[in-house]
PDB file of N, CA and C in Angstrom:
ATOM      1  N   MET A   1     159.942 143.240  39.930  1.00  0.00           N
ATOM      2  CA  MET A   1     158.498 143.396  39.436  1.00  0.00           C
ATOM      3  C   MET A   1     157.739 143.988  40.261  1.00  0.00           C
ATOM      4  N   ASP A   2     156.755 144.860  39.876  1.00  0.00           N
ATOM      5  CA  ASP A   2     156.041 145.897  40.519  1.00  0.00           C
ATOM      6  C   ASP A   2     155.278 145.159  41.767  1.00  0.00           C
ATOM      7  N   THR A   3     155.262 145.443  42.863  1.00  0.00           N
ATOM      8  CA  THR A   3     154.645 144.920  44.326  1.00  0.00           C
ATOM      9  C   THR A   3     153.133 144.270  43.629  1.00  0.00           C
ATOM     10  N   ARG A   4     152.497 145.385  43.186  1.00  0.00           N
ATOM     11  CA  ARG A   4     151.074 145.541  42.644  1.00  0.00           C
ATOM     12  C   ARG A   4     150.820 144.167  41.671  1.00  0.00           C
ATOM     13  N   VAL A   5     151.651 143.745  40.744  1.00  0.00           N
ATOM     14  CA  VAL A   5     151.558 142.946  39.790  1.00  0.00           C
ATOM     15  C   VAL A   5     151.728 141.397  40.696  1.00  0.00           C
ATOM     16  N   GLN A   6     152.492 141.540  41.729  1.00  0.00           N
ATOM     17  CA  GLN A   6     153.017 140.343  42.499  1.00  0.00           C
ATOM     18  C   GLN A   6     151.610 139.832  43.239  1.00  0.00           C
ATOM     19  N   LEU A   7     151.137 141.142  43.666  1.00  0.00           N
ATOM     20  CA  LEU A   7     149.628 140.978  44.234  1.00  0.00           C
ATOM     21  C   LEU A   7     148.592 140.283  43.613  1.00  0.00           C
ATOM     22  N   LEU A   8     148.583 140.718  42.632  1.00  0.00           N
ATOM     23  CA  LEU A   8     147.702 140.306  41.460  1.00  0.00           C
ATOM     24  C   LEU A   8     147.961 138.941  41.215  1.00  0.00           C
ATOM     25  N   ARG A   9     149.199 138.541  40.590  1.00  0.00           N
ATOM     26  CA  ARG A   9     149.478 137.139  40.433  1.00  0.00           C
ATOM     27  C   ARG A   9     148.913 136.349  41.858  1.00  0.00           C
ATOM     28  N   ASP A  10     149.183 136.510  43.036  1.00  0.00           N
ATOM     29  CA  ASP A  10     149.025 135.764  44.198  1.00  0.00           C
ATOM     30  C   ASP A  10     147.448 135.834  44.242  1.00  0.00           C
ATOM     31  N   TRP A  11     146.717 136.649  44.073  1.00  0.00           N
ATOM     32  CA  TRP A  11     145.442 136.913  44.036  1.00  0.00           C
ATOM     33  C   TRP A  11     144.672 135.555  43.094  1.00  0.00           C
ATOM     34  N   MET A  12     145.103 135.952  41.888  1.00  0.00           N
ATOM     35  CA  MET A  12     144.727 135.010  40.865  1.00  0.00           C
ATOM     36  C   MET A  12     144.782 133.492  41.086  1.00  0.00           C
ATOM     37  N   ALA A  13     146.290 133.128  41.716  1.00  0.00           N
ATOM     38  CA  ALA A  13     146.715 131.791  42.194  1.00  0.00           C
ATOM     39  C   ALA A  13     145.498 131.401  43.173  1.00  0.00           C
ATOM     40  N   ARG A  14     145.510 132.165  44.418  1.00  0.00           N
ATOM     41  CA  ARG A  14     144.577 132.094  45.474  1.00  0.00           C
ATOM     42  C   ARG A  14     143.255 131.590  44.896  1.00  0.00           C
ATOM     43  N   GLU A  15     142.905 132.500  43.982  1.00  0.00           N
ATOM     44  CA  GLU A  15     141.196 132.082  43.513  1.00  0.00           C
ATOM     45  C   GLU A  15     141.009 131.493  42.550  1.00  0.00           C
ATOM     46  N   GLU A  16     142.288 130.809  42.081  1.00  0.00           N
ATOM     47  CA  GLU A  16     142.489 129.771  41.132  1.00  0.00           C
ATOM     48  C   GLU A  16     141.391 130.524  39.740  1.00  0.00           C
ATOM     49  N   ARG A  17     141.698 131.857  39.612  1.00  0.00           N
ATOM     50  CA  ARG A  17     141.400 132.291  37.989  1.00  0.00           C
ATOM     51  C   ARG A  17     142.581 132.755  37.279  1.00  0.00           C
ATOM     52  N   GLY A  18     142.189 132.439  35.950  1.00  0.00           N
ATOM     53  CA  GLY A  18     143.053 132.697  34.718  1.00  0.00           C
ATOM     54  C   GLY A  18     143.316 133.993  34.340  1.00  0.00           C
ATOM     55  N   THR A  19     143.770 134.368  33.349  1.00  0.00           N
ATOM     56  CA  THR A  19     144.268 135.411  32.423  1.00  0.00           C
ATOM     57  C   THR A  19     142.918 135.839  31.974  1.00  0.00           C
ATOM     58  N   VAL A  20     142.211 134.897  31.285  1.00  0.00           N
ATOM     59  CA  VAL A  20     140.993 135.395  30.455  1.00  0.00           C
ATOM     60  C   VAL A  20     139.958 135.768  31.164  1.00  0.00           C
ATOM     61  N   TRP A  21     139.818 135.083  32.524  1.00  0.00           N
ATOM     62  CA  TRP A  21     138.543 135.513  33.247  1.00  0.00           C
ATOM     63  C   TRP A  21     138.768 136.819  33.837  1.00  0.00           C
ATOM     64  N   VAL A  22     140.111 137.331  34.242  1.00  0.00           N
ATOM     65  CA  VAL A  22     140.305 138.555  34.997  1.00  0.00           C
ATOM     66  C   VAL A  22     140.262 139.468  33.884  1.00  0.00           C
ATOM     67  N   ALA A  23     140.654 139.298  32.384  1.00  0.00           N
ATOM     68  CA  ALA A  23     140.379 140.045  31.658  1.00  0.00           C
ATOM     69  C   ALA A  23     139.011 140.255  31.114  1.00  0.00           C
ATOM     70  N   LYS A  24     138.333 139.223  31.134  1.00  0.00           N
ATOM     71  CA  LYS A  24     136.859 139.462  30.638  1.00  0.00           C
ATOM     72  C   LYS A  24     136.315 140.482  31.665  1.00  0.00           C
ATOM     73  N   LYS A  25     136.542 140.178  33.093  1.00  0.00           N
ATOM     74  CA  LYS A  25     135.891 140.953  34.377  1.00  0.00           C
ATOM     75  C   LYS A  25     136.111 142.422  34.197  1.00  0.00           C
ATOM     76  N   VAL A  26     137.702 142.829  33.764  1.00  0.00           N
ATOM     77  CA  VAL A  26     137.858 144.111  33.913  1.00  0.00           C
ATOM     78  C   VAL A  26     138.035 144.651  32.443  1.00  0.00           C
ATOM     79  N   GLY A  27     137.251 144.207  31.701  1.00  0.00           N
ATOM     80  CA  GLY A  27     136.960 144.576  30.241  1.00  0.00           C
ATOM     81  C   GLY A  27     138.373 145.041  29.303  1.00  0.00           C
ATOM     82  N   ARG A  28     139.375 143.940  29.612  1.00  0.00           N
ATOM     83  CA  ARG A  28     140.620 144.113  28.632  1.00  0.00           C
ATOM     84  C   ARG A  28     140.959 142.724  27.978  1.00  0.00           C
ATOM     85  N   THR A  29     141.935 142.932  27.191  1.00  0.00           N
ATOM     86  CA  THR A  29     142.240 141.719  26.333  1.00  0.00           C
ATOM     87  C   THR A  29     143.073 140.682  27.121  1.00  0.00           C
ATOM     88  N   LYS A  30     142.994 139.499  26.952  1.00  0.00           N
ATOM     89  CA  LYS A  30     143.796 138.399  27.588  1.00  0.00           C
ATOM     90  C   LYS A  30     145.243 139.034  27.461  1.00  0.00           C
ATOM     91  N   ALA A  31     145.459 139.344  26.016  1.00  0.00           N
ATOM     92  CA  ALA A  31     146.898 139.758  25.872  1.00  0.00           C
ATOM     93  C   ALA A  31     147.527 140.919  26.840  1.00  0.00           C
ATOM     94  N   TYR A  32     146.543 141.594  26.878  1.00  0.00           N
ATOM     95  CA  TYR A  32     146.915 143.041  27.752  1.00  0.00           C
ATOM     96  C   TYR A  32     147.522 142.252  29.161  1.00  0.00           C
ATOM     97  N   ILE A  33     146.393 141.785  29.826  1.00  0.00           N
ATOM     98  CA  ILE A  33     146.664 141.166  30.971  1.00  0.00           C
ATOM     99  C   ILE A  33     147.862 140.355  31.044  1.00  0.00           C
ATOM    100  N   SER A  34     148.072 139.743  30.091  1.00  0.00           N
ATOM    101  CA  SER A  34     149.335 138.781  30.043  1.00  0.00           C
ATOM    102  C   SER A  34     150.612 139.595  30.048  1.00  0.00           C
ATOM    103  N   HIS A  35     150.560 140.676  29.198  1.00  0.00           N
ATOM    104  CA  HIS A  35     151.587 141.548  29.244  1.00  0.00           C
ATOM    105  C   HIS A  35     151.984 142.229  30.589  1.00  0.00           C
ATOM    106  N   ILE A  36     150.806 142.694  31.300  1.00  0.00           N
ATOM    107  CA  ILE A  36     151.249 143.018  32.528  1.00  0.00           C
ATOM    108  C   ILE A  36     151.789 142.201  33.392  1.00  0.00           C
ATOM    109  N   LEU A  37     151.347 140.976  33.465  1.00  0.00           N
ATOM    110  CA  LEU A  37     151.440 139.811  34.152  1.00  0.00           C
ATOM    111  C   LEU A  37     153.027 139.477  34.099  1.00  0.00           C
ATOM    112  N   HIS A  38     153.553 139.452  33.118  1.00  0.00           N
ATOM    113  CA  HIS A  38     154.962 139.156  32.806  1.00  0.00           C
ATOM    114  C   HIS A  38     155.887 140.294  32.492  1.00  0.00           C
ATOM    115  N   GLY A  39     155.424 141.436  33.051  1.00  0.00           N
ATOM    116  CA  GLY A  39     156.347 142.777  33.146  1.00  0.00           C
ATOM    117  C   GLY A  39     156.556 143.099  31.764  1.00  0.00           C
ATOM    118  N   ARG A  40     155.902 143.036  30.880  1.00  0.00           N
ATOM    119  CA  ARG A  40     156.228 143.782  29.423  1.00  0.00           C
ATOM    120  C   ARG A  40     155.175 145.247  29.669  1.00  0.00           C
ATOM    121  N   LEU A  41     154.411 145.450  30.553  1.00  0.00           N
ATOM    122  CA  LEU A  41     153.527 146.709  30.533  1.00  0.00           C
ATOM    123  C   LEU A  41     153.402 146.972  31.702  1.00  0.00           C
ATOM    124  N   PRO A  42     153.194 148.142  32.170  1.00  0.00           N
ATOM    125  CA  PRO A  42     153.101 148.587  33.785  1.00  0.00           C
ATOM    126  C   PRO A  42     151.840 148.543  33.930  1.00  0.00           C
ATOM    127  N   LEU A  43     151.264 148.321  35.387  1.00  0.00           N
ATOM    128  CA  LEU A  43     150.032 148.165  35.818  1.00  0.00           C
ATOM    129  C   LEU A  43     149.422 149.677  36.064  1.00  0.00           C
ATOM    130  N   THR A  44     148.680 150.160  35.449  1.00  0.00           N
ATOM    131  CA  THR A  44     148.182 151.533  35.352  1.00  0.00           C
ATOM    132  C   THR A  44     147.569 151.784  36.698  1.00  0.00           C
ATOM    133  N   GLU A  45     147.290 153.022  37.115  1.00  0.00           N
ATOM    134  CA  GLU A  45     146.382 153.097  38.165  1.00  0.00           C
ATOM    135  C   GLU A  45     144.879 152.750  37.782  1.00  0.00           C
ATOM    136  N   LYS A  46     144.654 153.035  36.332  1.00  0.00           N
ATOM    137  CA  LYS A  46     143.237 153.053  36.184  1.00  0.00           C
ATOM    138  C   LYS A  46     142.678 151.561  36.267  1.00  0.00           C
ATOM    139  N   LEU A  47     143.879 150.726  35.653  1.00  0.00           N
ATOM    140  CA  LEU A  47     143.645 149.188  35.781  1.00  0.00           C
ATOM    141  C   LEU A  47     143.482 148.637  37.352  1.00  0.00           C
ATOM    142  N   ALA A  48     144.416 149.192  38.014  1.00  0.00           N
ATOM    143  CA  ALA A  48     144.227 148.519  39.499  1.00  0.00           C
ATOM    144  C   ALA A  48     142.986 149.082  40.224  1.00  0.00           C
ATOM    145  N   ARG A  49     142.424 150.276  39.810  1.00  0.00           N
ATOM    146  CA  ARG A  49     141.276 150.848  39.924  1.00  0.00           C
ATOM    147  C   ARG A  49     140.220 149.893  39.998  1.00  0.00           C
ATOM    148  N   ASP A  50     140.273 149.561  38.626  1.00  0.00           N
ATOM    149  CA  ASP A  50     139.277 148.407  38.221  1.00  0.00           C
ATOM    150  C   ASP A  50     139.407 147.413  38.669  1.00  0.00           C
ATOM    151  N   LEU A  51     140.392 146.529  39.106  1.00  0.00           N
ATOM    152  CA  LEU A  51     140.589 145.403  39.581  1.00  0.00           C
ATOM    153  C   LEU A  51     140.534 145.453  41.193  1.00  0.00           C
ATOM    154  N   ARG A  52     140.408 146.541  41.821  1.00  0.00           N
ATOM    155  CA  ARG A  52     139.930 146.655  42.919  1.00  0.00           C
ATOM    156  C   ARG A  52     138.237 146.689  42.949  1.00  0.00           C
ATOM    157  N   ALA A  53     137.686 147.729  42.409  1.00  0.00           N
ATOM    158  CA  ALA A  53     136.442 147.776  42.314  1.00  0.00           C
ATOM    159  C   ALA A  53     135.518 146.351  41.481  1.00  0.00           C
ATOM    160  N   LYS A  54     136.045 145.961  40.580  1.00  0.00           N
ATOM    161  CA  LYS A  54     135.143 145.029  40.045  1.00  0.00           C
ATOM    162  C   LYS A  54     135.620 143.471  40.670  1.00  0.00           C
ATOM    163  N   LEU A  55     136.939 143.592  41.163  1.00  0.00           N
ATOM    164  CA  LEU A  55     136.834 142.146  41.607  1.00  0.00           C
ATOM    165  C   LEU A  55     137.594 142.094  42.970  1.00  0.00           C
ATOM    166  N   GLY A  56     137.573 143.309  43.698  1.00  0.00           N
ATOM    167  CA  GLY A  56     137.762 143.567  45.067  1.00  0.00           C
ATOM    168  C   GLY A  56     139.144 142.956  45.540  1.00  0.00           C
ATOM    169  N   ILE A  57     140.201 143.069  44.314  1.00  0.00           N
ATOM    170  CA  ILE A  57     141.479 142.600  44.729  1.00  0.00           C
ATOM    171  C   ILE A  57     142.077 143.987  45.605  1.00  0.00           C
ATOM    172  N   PRO A  58     142.594 143.648  46.655  1.00  0.00           N
ATOM    173  CA  PRO A  58     143.302 144.278  47.712  1.00  0.00           C
ATOM    174  C   PRO A  58     144.752 145.307  47.036  1.00  0.00           C
ATOM    175  N   LEU A  59     144.808 146.009  45.998  1.00  0.00           N
ATOM    176  CA  LEU A  59     145.811 146.507  45.480  1.00  0.00           C
ATOM    177  C   LEU A  59     146.073 147.878  46.168  1.00  0.00           C
ATOM    178  N   PRO A  60     147.431 148.350  46.584  1.00  0.00           N
ATOM    179  CA  PRO A  60     147.645 149.505  46.835  1.00  0.00           C
ATOM    180  C   PRO A  60     147.417 150.754  45.780  1.00  0.00           C
ATOM    181  N   GLU A  61     147.341 151.766  46.141  1.00  0.00           N
ATOM    182  CA  GLU A  61     147.458 152.732  45.351  1.00  0.00           C
ATOM    183  C   GLU A  61     148.978 152.929  44.814  1.00  0.00           C
ATOM    184  N   HIS A  62     149.184 153.506  43.507  1.00  0.00           N
ATOM    185  CA  HIS A  62     150.674 153.280  42.984  1.00  0.00           C
ATOM    186  C   HIS A  62     151.419 154.383  43.921  1.00  0.00           C
ATOM    187  N   GLY A  63     152.713 153.753  44.329  1.00  0.00           N
ATOM    188  CA  GLY A  63     153.450 154.606  45.188  1.00  0.00           C
ATOM    189  C   GLY A  63     153.589 154.164  46.502  1.00  0.00           C
ATOM    190  N   GLN A  64     152.274 153.148  46.883  1.00  0.00           N
ATOM    191  CA  GLN A  64     151.849 152.846  48.293  1.00  0.00           C
ATOM    192  C   GLN A  64     152.009 151.666  48.339  1.00  0.00           C
ATOM    193  N   ALA A  65     153.197 151.076  48.921  1.00  0.00           N
ATOM    194  CA  ALA A  65     153.273 149.376  48.823  1.00  0.00           C
ATOM    195  C   ALA A  65     152.777 149.115  50.119  1.00  0.00           C
ATOM    196  N   ALA A  66     152.152 147.837  50.033  1.00  0.00           N
ATOM    197  CA  ALA A  66     151.652 147.410  51.310  1.00  0.00           C
ATOM    198  C   ALA A  66     152.638 146.467  52.023  1.00  0.00           C
ATOM    199  N   GLN A  67     153.088 147.535  53.158  1.00  0.00           N
ATOM    200  CA  GLN A  67     154.230 146.877  53.841  1.00  0.00           C
ATOM    201  C   GLN A  67     153.867 147.172  55.223  1.00  0.00           C
ATOM    202  N   SER A  68     154.489 146.176  55.767  1.00  0.00           N
ATOM    203  CA  SER A  68     154.264 146.511  57.347  1.00  0.00           C
ATOM    204  C   SER A  68     155.435 147.344  57.978  1.00  0.00           C
ATOM    205  N   ASP A  69     155.201 147.937  59.331  1.00  0.00           N
ATOM    206  CA  ASP A  69     156.150 148.483  59.840  1.00  0.00           C
ATOM    207  C   ASP A  69     157.453 147.943  59.741  1.00  0.00           C
ATOM    208  N   ASP A  70     157.674 146.448  60.001  1.00  0.00           N
ATOM    209  CA  ASP A  70     158.908 145.984  59.999  1.00  0.00           C
ATOM    210  C   ASP A  70     159.465 145.669  58.558  1.00  0.00           C
ATOM    211  N   GLU A  71     158.795 145.919  57.498  1.00  0.00           N
ATOM    212  CA  GLU A  71     159.224 145.920  56.361  1.00  0.00           C
ATOM    213  C   GLU A  71     159.651 146.846  55.595  1.00  0.00           C
ATOM    214  N   LYS A  72     159.369 147.785  56.249  1.00  0.00           N
ATOM    215  CA  LYS A  72     159.735 149.422  55.963  1.00  0.00           C
ATOM    216  C   LYS A  72     161.208 149.513  55.619  1.00  0.00           C
ATOM    217  N   PRO A  73     161.888 149.887  54.783  1.00  0.00           N
ATOM    218  CA  PRO A  73     163.135 150.277  54.598  1.00  0.00           C
ATOM    219  C   PRO A  73     163.695 151.487  55.627  1.00  0.00           C
ATOM    220  N   GLU A  74     164.745 151.534  56.081  1.00  0.00           N
ATOM    221  CA  GLU A  74     165.520 152.326  56.922  1.00  0.00           C
ATOM    222  C   GLU A  74     165.544 153.987  56.007  1.00  0.00           C
ATOM    223  N   GLN A  75     165.129 155.151  56.858  1.00  0.00           N
ATOM    224  CA  GLN A  75     165.451 156.182  56.132  1.00  0.00           C
ATOM    225  C   GLN A  75     166.543 156.683  56.358  1.00  0.00           C
ATOM    226  N   HIS A  76     167.257 157.139  55.461  1.00  0.00           N
ATOM    227  CA  HIS A  76     168.902 157.540  55.424  1.00  0.00           C
ATOM    228  C   HIS A  76     168.585 159.055  55.017  1.00  0.00           C
ATOM    229  N   ARG A  77     169.408 160.105  55.765  1.00  0.00           N
ATOM    230  CA  ARG A  77     169.600 161.428  55.556  1.00  0.00           C
ATOM    231  C   ARG A  77     170.670 161.267  54.268  1.00  0.00           C
ATOM    232  N   THR A  78     170.193 162.191  53.302  1.00  0.00           N
ATOM    233  CA  THR A  78     171.254 162.526  52.073  1.00  0.00           C
ATOM    234  C   THR A  78     171.648 164.011  52.215  1.00  0.00           C
ATOM    235  N   HIS A  79     172.784 163.876  51.757  1.00  0.00           N
ATOM    236  CA  HIS A  79     173.333 165.151  51.765  1.00  0.00           C
ATOM    237  C   HIS A  79     173.686 165.709  50.465  1.00  0.00           C
ATOM    238  N   ARG A  80     173.363 166.934  50.240  1.00  0.00           N
ATOM    239  CA  ARG A  80     173.452 167.658  49.001  1.00  0.00           C
ATOM    240  C   ARG A  80     174.871 168.483  48.781  1.00  0.00           C
ATOM    241  N   ARG A  81     175.460 168.490  47.528  1.00  0.00           N
ATOM    242  CA  ARG A  81     176.533 169.145  47.575  1.00  0.00           C
ATOM    243  C   ARG A  81     176.191 170.489  46.643  1.00  0.00           C
ATOM    244  N   TYR A  82     176.609 171.796  47.389  1.00  0.00           N
ATOM    245  CA  TYR A  82     175.985 172.858  46.507  1.00  0.00           C
ATOM    246  C   TYR A  82     177.463 173.307  45.607  1.00  0.00           C
ATOM    247  N   ALA A  83     177.292 173.842  44.600  1.00  0.00           N
ATOM    248  CA  ALA A  83     178.575 174.315  43.978  1.00  0.00           C
ATOM    249  C   ALA A  83     178.590 175.585  44.448  1.00  0.00           C
TER     250      ALA A  83
END
């Protein structure tokens, strides 16, 4: 599951907000938000921006996971074969 979707789910649980409330606040349908929460649709950058701006949900930009230095995976060198 997308880290941002999990952050959204956690925020909704912590703030005791439902799918309908979030959908109304960001101008989307309940079904659309539900599909995102259940992994049937991706959380788009436009929606992430709206969630940050309208609700103050601290979602990272796409591709920038919210990780501490301890959680970052080790970087390995990859070797390429050239024919």
